[in-house]
Amino acid sequence: MSQPTVAFLQAFSDALNNHDIDAVMSMMTEDCVFNAVAGPELQGKSFVGQAEVRQGLEAAWKNAPDACWVDGEHHLAGDTGFTQSTYKGTAHDGARTEARMIDAFTFRDGKIAVKNAFRKNRPPVTS
């Protein structure tokens, strides 16, 4: 099967920034997993399968309607890869987050099987 490329990861980042859930989900396997940056589980809240991952990402965009990931740098190593970026988003209460982060990916059959998100824990940005 085809292996993802840096262009594939850039397209995935673009889809996230455009809040284009259909494009995002088209790049993920049917049994995909998204481990969010926070939650009760060891790896944060885990969303499993297309329906749950879709719901988890849409909820994140709803909680921070201006959510974006900038300064992306994409790296590949066989069936894994990662994107380093700066997350920026404003919650409904006005709290603004800006923090460096990494999405670690596991690929299968040319798509993302696992998206594991890690983000620095910073206090809200005031300026």
C-alpha atoms as a PDB file:
ATOM      1  CA  MET A   1       0.000   0.000   0.000  1.00  0.00           C
ATOM      2  CA  SER A   2       1.063   3.606  -0.434  1.00  0.00           C
ATOM      3  CA  GLN A   3       2.882   5.340   2.386  1.00  0.00           C
ATOM      4  CA  PRO A   4       1.841   8.825   3.483  1.00  0.00           C
ATOM      5  CA  THR A   5       4.036  11.715   2.407  1.00  0.00           C
ATOM      6  CA  VAL A   6       4.853  15.114   3.857  1.00  0.00           C
ATOM      7  CA  ALA A   7       2.293  16.501   1.388  1.00  0.00           C
ATOM      8  CA  PHE A   8      -0.317  14.132   2.879  1.00  0.00           C
ATOM      9  CA  LEU A   9       0.417  15.411   6.403  1.00  0.00           C
ATOM     10  CA  GLN A  10       0.249  19.001   5.141  1.00  0.00           C
ATOM     11  CA  ALA A  11      -3.137  18.275   3.556  1.00  0.00           C
ATOM     12  CA  PHE A  12      -4.302  16.753   6.859  1.00  0.00           C
ATOM     13  CA  SER A  13      -3.143  19.882   8.721  1.00  0.00           C
ATOM     14  CA  ASP A  14      -4.879  22.098   6.170  1.00  0.00           C
ATOM     15  CA  ALA A  15      -8.117  20.131   6.627  1.00  0.00           C
ATOM     16  CA  LEU A  16      -7.858  20.514  10.424  1.00  0.00           C
ATOM     17  CA  ASN A  17      -7.268  24.263  10.074  1.00  0.00           C
ATOM     18  CA  ASN A  18     -10.211  24.574   7.694  1.00  0.00           C
ATOM     19  CA  HIS A  19     -12.379  22.566  10.128  1.00  0.00           C
ATOM     20  CA  ASP A  20     -13.185  20.317   7.138  1.00  0.00           C
ATOM     21  CA  ILE A  21     -14.295  17.197   8.981  1.00  0.00           C
ATOM     22  CA  ASP A  22     -15.069  15.239   5.805  1.00  0.00           C
ATOM     23  CA  ALA A  23     -11.557  15.808   4.434  1.00  0.00           C
ATOM     24  CA  VAL A  24     -10.000  14.902   7.811  1.00  0.00           C
ATOM     25  CA  MET A  25     -11.992  11.694   8.096  1.00  0.00           C
ATOM     26  CA  SER A  26     -11.199  10.675   4.505  1.00  0.00           C
ATOM     27  CA  MET A  27      -7.513  10.532   5.515  1.00  0.00           C
ATOM     28  CA  MET A  28      -8.162   8.233   8.488  1.00  0.00           C
ATOM     29  CA  THR A  29      -8.857   4.496   8.596  1.00  0.00           C
ATOM     30  CA  GLU A  30     -12.319   3.138   9.414  1.00  0.00           C
ATOM     31  CA  ASP A  31     -11.093   1.957  12.840  1.00  0.00           C
ATOM     32  CA  CYS A  32      -9.058   5.094  13.543  1.00  0.00           C
ATOM     33  CA  VAL A  33      -8.182   6.302  17.030  1.00  0.00           C
ATOM     34  CA  PHE A  34      -7.761   9.889  18.232  1.00  0.00           C
ATOM     35  CA  ASN A  35      -6.143  10.343  21.652  1.00  0.00           C
ATOM     36  CA  ALA A  36      -6.915  13.921  22.709  1.00  0.00           C
ATOM     37  CA  VAL A  37      -4.564  16.162  24.713  1.00  0.00           C
ATOM     38  CA  ALA A  38      -6.674  15.855  27.870  1.00  0.00           C
ATOM     39  CA  GLY A  39      -9.038  13.450  29.530  1.00  0.00           C
ATOM     40  CA  PRO A  40      -9.354  10.798  32.207  1.00  0.00           C
ATOM     41  CA  GLU A  41      -7.370   8.067  30.446  1.00  0.00           C
ATOM     42  CA  LEU A  42      -3.590   7.598  30.447  1.00  0.00           C
ATOM     43  CA  GLN A  43      -3.414   8.895  26.863  1.00  0.00           C
ATOM     44  CA  GLY A  44      -6.149  11.505  27.287  1.00  0.00           C
ATOM     45  CA  LYS A  45      -9.699  10.953  26.081  1.00  0.00           C
ATOM     46  CA  SER A  46      -9.660   8.262  23.392  1.00  0.00           C
ATOM     47  CA  PHE A  47     -12.090   8.390  20.494  1.00  0.00           C
ATOM     48  CA  VAL A  48     -12.286   5.106  18.553  1.00  0.00           C
ATOM     49  CA  GLY A  49     -13.725   4.639  15.073  1.00  0.00           C
ATOM     50  CA  GLN A  50     -14.856   7.122  12.449  1.00  0.00           C
ATOM     51  CA  ALA A  51     -18.024   8.228  14.278  1.00  0.00           C
ATOM     52  CA  GLU A  52     -16.313   8.902  17.628  1.00  0.00           C
ATOM     53  CA  VAL A  53     -13.267  10.609  16.084  1.00  0.00           C
ATOM     54  CA  ARG A  54     -15.551  12.827  14.006  1.00  0.00           C
ATOM     55  CA  GLN A  55     -17.519  13.711  17.157  1.00  0.00           C
ATOM     56  CA  GLY A  56     -14.336  14.417  19.162  1.00  0.00           C
ATOM     57  CA  LEU A  57     -12.835  16.722  16.553  1.00  0.00           C
ATOM     58  CA  GLU A  58     -16.085  18.566  15.962  1.00  0.00           C
ATOM     59  CA  ALA A  59     -16.430  19.095  19.731  1.00  0.00           C
ATOM     60  CA  ALA A  60     -12.903  20.530  19.888  1.00  0.00           C
ATOM     61  CA  TRP A  61     -13.747  22.990  17.102  1.00  0.00           C
ATOM     62  CA  LYS A  62     -17.001  23.903  18.830  1.00  0.00           C
ATOM     63  CA  ASN A  63     -15.141  24.586  22.109  1.00  0.00           C
ATOM     64  CA  ALA A  64     -12.585  26.772  20.301  1.00  0.00           C
ATOM     65  CA  PRO A  65     -14.177  28.007  17.057  1.00  0.00           C
ATOM     66  CA  ASP A  66     -10.932  29.692  15.945  1.00  0.00           C
ATOM     67  CA  ALA A  67      -8.757  26.615  16.636  1.00  0.00           C
ATOM     68  CA  CYS A  68      -5.766  26.381  14.322  1.00  0.00           C
ATOM     69  CA  TRP A  69      -2.398  24.695  14.142  1.00  0.00           C
ATOM     70  CA  VAL A  70       0.371  26.860  12.675  1.00  0.00           C
ATOM     71  CA  ASP A  71       4.107  26.542  11.985  1.00  0.00           C
ATOM     72  CA  GLY A  72       3.638  22.873  11.060  1.00  0.00           C
ATOM     73  CA  GLU A  73       6.713  20.721  10.502  1.00  0.00           C
ATOM     74  CA  HIS A  74       6.011  17.198   9.240  1.00  0.00           C
ATOM     75  CA  HIS A  75       8.230  14.136   9.669  1.00  0.00           C
ATOM     76  CA  LEU A  76       7.886  10.513   8.528  1.00  0.00           C
ATOM     77  CA  ALA A  77       9.548   7.269   9.596  1.00  0.00           C
ATOM     78  CA  GLY A  78       8.064   4.155   8.018  1.00  0.00           C
ATOM     79  CA  ASP A  79       4.572   3.529   9.373  1.00  0.00           C
ATOM     80  CA  THR A  80       4.846   6.406  11.864  1.00  0.00           C
ATOM     81  CA  GLY A  81       5.208  10.147  11.652  1.00  0.00           C
ATOM     82  CA  PHE A  82       4.593  13.341  13.518  1.00  0.00           C
ATOM     83  CA  THR A  83       3.696  16.964  13.049  1.00  0.00           C
ATOM     84  CA  GLN A  84       5.094  19.679  15.327  1.00  0.00           C
ATOM     85  CA  SER A  85       2.995  22.830  15.394  1.00  0.00           C
ATOM     86  CA  THR A  86       1.697  25.670  17.535  1.00  0.00           C
ATOM     87  CA  TYR A  87      -1.910  25.275  18.623  1.00  0.00           C
ATOM     88  CA  LYS A  88      -3.910  28.502  18.929  1.00  0.00           C
ATOM     89  CA  GLY A  89      -7.504  28.685  20.082  1.00  0.00           C
ATOM     90  CA  THR A  90      -9.954  30.761  22.085  1.00  0.00           C
ATOM     91  CA  ALA A  91     -12.554  29.156  24.352  1.00  0.00           C
ATOM     92  CA  HIS A  92     -16.051  30.625  24.751  1.00  0.00           C
ATOM     93  CA  ASP A  93     -15.014  32.222  28.060  1.00  0.00           C
ATOM     94  CA  GLY A  94     -12.295  34.180  26.238  1.00  0.00           C
ATOM     95  CA  ALA A  95      -9.370  32.091  27.522  1.00  0.00           C
ATOM     96  CA  ARG A  96      -6.766  31.944  24.751  1.00  0.00           C
ATOM     97  CA  THR A  97      -4.387  29.008  24.400  1.00  0.00           C
ATOM     98  CA  GLU A  98      -1.114  29.108  22.471  1.00  0.00           C
ATOM     99  CA  ALA A  99       1.210  26.184  22.982  1.00  0.00           C
ATOM    100  CA  ARG A 100       3.628  23.998  21.049  1.00  0.00           C
ATOM    101  CA  MET A 101       2.414  20.496  20.389  1.00  0.00           C
ATOM    102  CA  ILE A 102       3.028  17.262  18.545  1.00  0.00           C
ATOM    103  CA  ASP A 103       0.613  14.948  16.801  1.00  0.00           C
ATOM    104  CA  ALA A 104       2.164  11.470  16.631  1.00  0.00           C
ATOM    105  CA  PHE A 105       0.689   9.316  13.864  1.00  0.00           C
ATOM    106  CA  THR A 106       0.543   5.616  13.100  1.00  0.00           C
ATOM    107  CA  PHE A 107      -0.235   4.863   9.450  1.00  0.00           C
ATOM    108  CA  ARG A 108      -1.911   1.867   7.855  1.00  0.00           C
ATOM    109  CA  ASP A 109      -2.853   1.370   4.205  1.00  0.00           C
ATOM    110  CA  GLY A 110      -1.871   4.944   3.340  1.00  0.00           C
ATOM    111  CA  LYS A 111      -4.098   6.537   5.983  1.00  0.00           C
ATOM    112  CA  ILE A 112      -3.881   7.649   9.611  1.00  0.00           C
ATOM    113  CA  ALA A 113      -4.823   4.816  11.976  1.00  0.00           C
ATOM    114  CA  VAL A 114      -3.862   6.652  15.194  1.00  0.00           C
ATOM    115  CA  LYS A 115      -3.583  10.393  15.928  1.00  0.00           C
ATOM    116  CA  ASN A 116      -2.044  10.852  19.369  1.00  0.00           C
ATOM    117  CA  ALA A 117      -1.962  14.531  20.418  1.00  0.00           C
ATOM    118  CA  PHE A 118       0.449  16.016  22.985  1.00  0.00           C
ATOM    119  CA  ARG A 119       0.451  19.709  23.947  1.00  0.00           C
ATOM    120  CA  LYS A 120       2.403  21.845  26.400  1.00  0.00           C
ATOM    121  CA  ASN A 121       0.351  22.809  29.436  1.00  0.00           C
ATOM    122  CA  ARG A 122       0.499  26.615  29.517  1.00  0.00           C
ATOM    123  CA  PRO A 123      -1.658  29.141  31.352  1.00  0.00           C
ATOM    124  CA  PRO A 124      -4.009  31.142  29.106  1.00  0.00           C
ATOM    125  CA  VAL A 125      -2.368  33.822  26.979  1.00  0.00           C
ATOM    126  CA  THR A 126      -3.464  37.350  27.893  1.00  0.00           C
ATOM    127  CA  SER A 127      -2.222  39.314  24.895  1.00  0.00           C
END
